[in-house]
Amino acid sequence: MRNILITVMMLIVVAFLFNSIIAQDNTGTRARIESHGDTANTTLGNLQP
């Protein structure tokens, strides 16, 4: 029973960390990757042959 409780608590902590680090709207890793990708797409689109 104790092992199940520890496992469930660890899963809750991992889900919380994912939401606070990766999926945060403005400052999360996903937002930073999207921002850099948009910048790269704009830069590549503005290149002249």
C-alpha atoms as a PDB file:
ATOM      1  CA  MET A   1       0.000   0.000   0.000  1.00  0.00           C
ATOM      2  CA  ARG A   2       2.841   2.328   0.845  1.00  0.00           C
ATOM      3  CA  ASN A   3       4.512   1.730  -2.531  1.00  0.00           C
ATOM      4  CA  ILE A   4       1.322   2.607  -4.386  1.00  0.00           C
ATOM      5  CA  LEU A   5       0.962   5.827  -2.401  1.00  0.00           C
ATOM      6  CA  ILE A   6       4.550   6.847  -3.126  1.00  0.00           C
ATOM      7  CA  THR A   7       4.084   6.075  -6.827  1.00  0.00           C
ATOM      8  CA  VAL A   8       0.895   8.128  -7.049  1.00  0.00           C
ATOM      9  CA  MET A   9       2.503  11.050  -5.228  1.00  0.00           C
ATOM     10  CA  MET A  10       5.508  10.945  -7.564  1.00  0.00           C
ATOM     11  CA  LEU A  11       3.220  10.971 -10.604  1.00  0.00           C
ATOM     12  CA  ILE A  12       1.413  14.010  -9.224  1.00  0.00           C
ATOM     13  CA  VAL A  13       4.734  15.800  -8.697  1.00  0.00           C
ATOM     14  CA  VAL A  14       5.871  14.958 -12.235  1.00  0.00           C
ATOM     15  CA  ALA A  15       2.586  16.258 -13.683  1.00  0.00           C
ATOM     16  CA  PHE A  16       2.927  19.466 -11.664  1.00  0.00           C
ATOM     17  CA  LEU A  17       6.514  19.980 -12.797  1.00  0.00           C
ATOM     18  CA  PHE A  18       5.546  19.359 -16.421  1.00  0.00           C
ATOM     19  CA  ASN A  19       2.802  21.973 -16.222  1.00  0.00           C
ATOM     20  CA  SER A  20       4.985  24.535 -14.491  1.00  0.00           C
ATOM     21  CA  ILE A  21       8.132  24.071 -16.601  1.00  0.00           C
ATOM     22  CA  ILE A  22       7.142  22.819 -20.047  1.00  0.00           C
ATOM     23  CA  ALA A  23       3.568  23.840 -20.701  1.00  0.00           C
ATOM     24  CA  GLN A  24       3.443  27.290 -19.094  1.00  0.00           C
ATOM     25  CA  ASP A  25       1.836  29.762 -21.513  1.00  0.00           C
ATOM     26  CA  ASN A  26       4.330  32.646 -21.662  1.00  0.00           C
ATOM     27  CA  THR A  27       7.611  31.489 -20.167  1.00  0.00           C
ATOM     28  CA  GLY A  28       7.539  27.713 -20.537  1.00  0.00           C
ATOM     29  CA  THR A  29       9.844  25.672 -22.715  1.00  0.00           C
ATOM     30  CA  ARG A  30       7.122  25.150 -25.325  1.00  0.00           C
ATOM     31  CA  ALA A  31       6.557  28.912 -25.651  1.00  0.00           C
ATOM     32  CA  ARG A  32      10.291  29.543 -25.998  1.00  0.00           C
ATOM     33  CA  ILE A  33      10.659  26.875 -28.696  1.00  0.00           C
ATOM     34  CA  GLU A  34       7.684  28.290 -30.611  1.00  0.00           C
ATOM     35  CA  SER A  35       9.111  31.806 -30.342  1.00  0.00           C
ATOM     36  CA  HIS A  36      12.503  30.758 -31.684  1.00  0.00           C
ATOM     37  CA  GLY A  37      10.845  28.728 -34.441  1.00  0.00           C
ATOM     38  CA  ASP A  38       8.762  31.714 -35.515  1.00  0.00           C
ATOM     39  CA  THR A  39      11.894  33.866 -35.575  1.00  0.00           C
ATOM     40  CA  ALA A  40      13.731  31.282 -37.678  1.00  0.00           C
ATOM     41  CA  ASN A  41      10.800  30.985 -40.114  1.00  0.00           C
ATOM     42  CA  THR A  42      10.622  34.759 -40.489  1.00  0.00           C
ATOM     43  CA  THR A  43      14.374  35.028 -41.047  1.00  0.00           C
ATOM     44  CA  LEU A  44      14.337  32.256 -43.650  1.00  0.00           C
ATOM     45  CA  GLY A  45      11.311  33.772 -45.351  1.00  0.00           C
ATOM     46  CA  ASN A  46      13.056  37.137 -45.674  1.00  0.00           C
ATOM     47  CA  LEU A  47      16.144  35.704 -47.404  1.00  0.00           C
ATOM     48  CA  GLN A  48      16.656  36.902 -50.947  1.00  0.00           C
ATOM     49  CA  PRO A  49      17.981  34.442 -53.542  1.00  0.00           C
END
